[in-house]
């Protein structure tokens, strides 16, 4: 399991280095902003899916 964390951390460092080489400090900020937007979007979609599945389960339990 720890090897996965090390590989993920190395991947993030490579991404940061590449974006810094291309854009300087602006690239780091844009990469961070993209990451935050993607994280919020995925979190929102997963939250809506779990919430709707829970509502469906409660609905079907009441009908049976």
N, C-alpha and C. Protein backbone atom coordinates (compact mmCIF):
# COMPACT_ATOMS: atom_id res chain seq x y z
N UNK A 1 0.83 -1.20 0.00
CA UNK A 1 0.00 0.00 0.00
C UNK A 1 0.87 1.26 0.00
N UNK A 2 1.99 1.22 0.72
CA UNK A 2 2.83 2.41 0.78
C UNK A 2 3.48 2.71 -0.56
N UNK A 3 3.71 1.67 -1.37
CA UNK A 3 4.30 1.91 -2.69
C UNK A 3 3.36 2.74 -3.56
N UNK A 4 2.06 2.54 -3.40
CA UNK A 4 1.10 3.33 -4.16
C UNK A 4 1.19 4.81 -3.77
N UNK A 5 1.33 5.07 -2.48
CA UNK A 5 1.45 6.46 -2.03
C UNK A 5 2.73 7.10 -2.56
N UNK A 6 3.82 6.34 -2.55
CA UNK A 6 5.09 6.87 -3.04
C UNK A 6 5.00 7.17 -4.54
N UNK A 7 4.39 6.26 -5.29
CA UNK A 7 4.24 6.48 -6.73
C UNK A 7 3.34 7.68 -7.01
N UNK A 8 2.26 7.81 -6.26
CA UNK A 8 1.35 8.94 -6.44
C UNK A 8 2.04 10.26 -6.12
N UNK A 9 2.82 10.27 -5.03
CA UNK A 9 3.55 11.47 -4.65
C UNK A 9 4.58 11.84 -5.71
N UNK A 10 5.27 10.84 -6.25
CA UNK A 10 6.25 11.11 -7.31
C UNK A 10 5.56 11.66 -8.56
N UNK A 11 4.39 11.13 -8.88
CA UNK A 11 3.62 11.62 -10.02
C UNK A 11 3.22 13.08 -9.81
N UNK A 12 2.77 13.41 -8.61
CA UNK A 12 2.40 14.80 -8.32
C UNK A 12 3.59 15.73 -8.43
N UNK A 13 4.75 15.29 -7.92
CA UNK A 13 5.95 16.12 -8.00
C UNK A 13 6.35 16.35 -9.46
N UNK A 14 6.25 15.30 -10.28
CA UNK A 14 6.56 15.45 -11.71
C UNK A 14 5.60 16.43 -12.37
N UNK A 15 4.31 16.33 -12.05
CA UNK A 15 3.33 17.27 -12.62
C UNK A 15 3.65 18.70 -12.21
N UNK A 16 3.96 18.91 -10.93
CA UNK A 16 4.29 20.25 -10.47
C UNK A 16 5.52 20.79 -11.17
N UNK A 17 6.54 19.94 -11.32
CA UNK A 17 7.78 20.37 -11.97
C UNK A 17 7.55 20.74 -13.43
N UNK A 18 6.78 19.90 -14.14
CA UNK A 18 6.50 20.17 -15.55
C UNK A 18 5.71 21.47 -15.70
N UNK A 19 4.69 21.66 -14.86
CA UNK A 19 3.89 22.88 -14.98
C UNK A 19 4.70 24.11 -14.59
N UNK A 20 5.64 23.95 -13.64
CA UNK A 20 6.47 25.09 -13.25
C UNK A 20 7.43 25.44 -14.38
N UNK A 21 7.96 24.43 -15.09
CA UNK A 21 8.86 24.70 -16.21
C UNK A 21 8.15 25.44 -17.33
N UNK A 22 6.90 25.07 -17.59
CA UNK A 22 6.17 25.68 -18.70
C UNK A 22 5.70 27.10 -18.38
N UNK A 23 5.14 27.30 -17.21
CA UNK A 23 4.46 28.56 -16.92
C UNK A 23 5.08 29.35 -15.77
N UNK A 24 6.02 28.79 -15.07
CA UNK A 24 6.54 29.46 -13.88
C UNK A 24 5.56 29.30 -12.72
N UNK A 25 5.48 30.31 -11.87
CA UNK A 25 4.60 30.21 -10.70
C UNK A 25 3.13 30.24 -11.09
N UNK A 26 2.83 30.86 -12.24
CA UNK A 26 1.44 30.89 -12.71
C UNK A 26 0.95 29.47 -13.02
N UNK A 27 1.85 28.62 -13.54
CA UNK A 27 1.48 27.24 -13.84
C UNK A 27 1.13 26.45 -12.59
N UNK A 28 1.87 26.69 -11.51
CA UNK A 28 1.56 26.01 -10.24
C UNK A 28 0.19 26.42 -9.74
N UNK A 29 -0.11 27.72 -9.83
CA UNK A 29 -1.41 28.20 -9.37
C UNK A 29 -2.53 27.62 -10.21
N UNK A 30 -2.35 27.58 -11.54
CA UNK A 30 -3.38 27.03 -12.42
C UNK A 30 -3.59 25.55 -12.18
N UNK A 31 -2.49 24.81 -11.94
CA UNK A 31 -2.61 23.38 -11.66
C UNK A 31 -3.37 23.16 -10.35
N UNK A 32 -3.07 23.98 -9.33
CA UNK A 32 -3.77 23.87 -8.05
C UNK A 32 -5.25 24.20 -8.23
N UNK A 33 -5.55 25.24 -9.01
CA UNK A 33 -6.93 25.63 -9.25
C UNK A 33 -7.70 24.53 -9.97
N UNK A 34 -7.07 23.93 -10.99
CA UNK A 34 -7.71 22.82 -11.71
C UNK A 34 -7.98 21.66 -10.77
N UNK A 35 -7.01 21.35 -9.91
CA UNK A 35 -7.18 20.25 -8.96
C UNK A 35 -8.34 20.50 -8.01
N UNK A 36 -8.47 21.72 -7.52
CA UNK A 36 -9.56 22.06 -6.61
C UNK A 36 -10.90 21.94 -7.32
N UNK A 37 -10.98 22.44 -8.55
CA UNK A 37 -12.24 22.37 -9.30
C UNK A 37 -12.63 20.92 -9.59
N UNK A 38 -11.66 20.11 -10.00
CA UNK A 38 -11.94 18.70 -10.28
C UNK A 38 -12.36 17.98 -9.01
N UNK A 39 -11.68 18.26 -7.87
CA UNK A 39 -12.02 17.61 -6.61
C UNK A 39 -13.45 17.97 -6.19
N UNK A 40 -13.82 19.25 -6.28
CA UNK A 40 -15.16 19.67 -5.88
C UNK A 40 -16.21 19.05 -6.79
N UNK A 41 -15.92 18.98 -8.09
CA UNK A 41 -16.87 18.39 -9.04
C UNK A 41 -17.09 16.91 -8.75
N UNK A 42 -16.00 16.17 -8.56
CA UNK A 42 -16.12 14.73 -8.28
C UNK A 42 -16.83 14.51 -6.95
N UNK A 43 -16.48 15.30 -5.93
CA UNK A 43 -17.12 15.17 -4.63
C UNK A 43 -18.62 15.43 -4.74
N UNK A 44 -19.01 16.46 -5.50
CA UNK A 44 -20.43 16.77 -5.66
C UNK A 44 -21.17 15.67 -6.39
N UNK A 45 -20.58 15.13 -7.46
CA UNK A 45 -21.24 14.06 -8.22
C UNK A 45 -21.41 12.81 -7.35
N UNK A 46 -20.36 12.44 -6.63
CA UNK A 46 -20.45 11.25 -5.76
C UNK A 46 -21.48 11.47 -4.66
N UNK A 47 -21.51 12.68 -4.08
CA UNK A 47 -22.48 12.97 -3.03
C UNK A 47 -23.90 12.85 -3.55
N UNK A 48 -24.16 13.40 -4.74
CA UNK A 48 -25.51 13.33 -5.31
C UNK A 48 -25.89 11.88 -5.62
N UNK A 49 -24.94 11.09 -6.14
CA UNK A 49 -25.23 9.69 -6.45
C UNK A 49 -25.55 8.90 -5.18
N UNK A 50 -24.75 9.06 -4.14
CA UNK A 50 -24.98 8.32 -2.89
C UNK A 50 -26.30 8.76 -2.27
N UNK A 51 -26.57 10.05 -2.27
CA UNK A 51 -27.81 10.56 -1.68
C UNK A 51 -29.02 10.02 -2.43
N UNK A 52 -28.97 10.01 -3.77
CA UNK A 52 -30.12 9.51 -4.54
C UNK A 52 -30.30 8.01 -4.36
N UNK A 53 -29.21 7.25 -4.27
CA UNK A 53 -29.32 5.81 -4.03
C UNK A 53 -29.94 5.55 -2.67
N UNK A 54 -29.53 6.32 -1.66
CA UNK A 54 -30.12 6.15 -0.32
C UNK A 54 -31.62 6.47 -0.35
N UNK A 55 -32.00 7.51 -1.06
CA UNK A 55 -33.43 7.85 -1.16
C UNK A 55 -34.20 6.74 -1.86
N UNK A 56 -33.64 6.16 -2.92
CA UNK A 56 -34.30 5.06 -3.63
C UNK A 56 -34.45 3.84 -2.73
N UNK A 57 -33.43 3.54 -1.94
CA UNK A 57 -33.50 2.39 -1.04
C UNK A 57 -34.61 2.60 -0.01
N UNK A 58 -34.68 3.79 0.56
CA UNK A 58 -35.74 4.08 1.54
C UNK A 58 -37.10 3.99 0.87
N UNK A 59 -37.22 4.50 -0.35
CA UNK A 59 -38.49 4.47 -1.08
C UNK A 59 -38.94 3.03 -1.33
N UNK A 60 -38.01 2.17 -1.79
CA UNK A 60 -38.39 0.78 -2.07
C UNK A 60 -38.65 -0.02 -0.80
N UNK A 61 -37.98 0.32 0.30
CA UNK A 61 -38.25 -0.38 1.56
C UNK A 61 -39.66 -0.06 2.05
N UNK A 62 -40.10 1.16 1.86
CA UNK A 62 -41.45 1.54 2.30
C UNK A 62 -42.52 0.86 1.46
N UNK A 63 -42.23 0.66 0.18
CA UNK A 63 -43.24 0.08 -0.71
C UNK A 63 -43.40 -1.42 -0.50
N UNK A 64 -42.35 -2.08 -0.03
CA UNK A 64 -42.44 -3.54 0.15
C UNK A 64 -43.10 -3.92 1.45
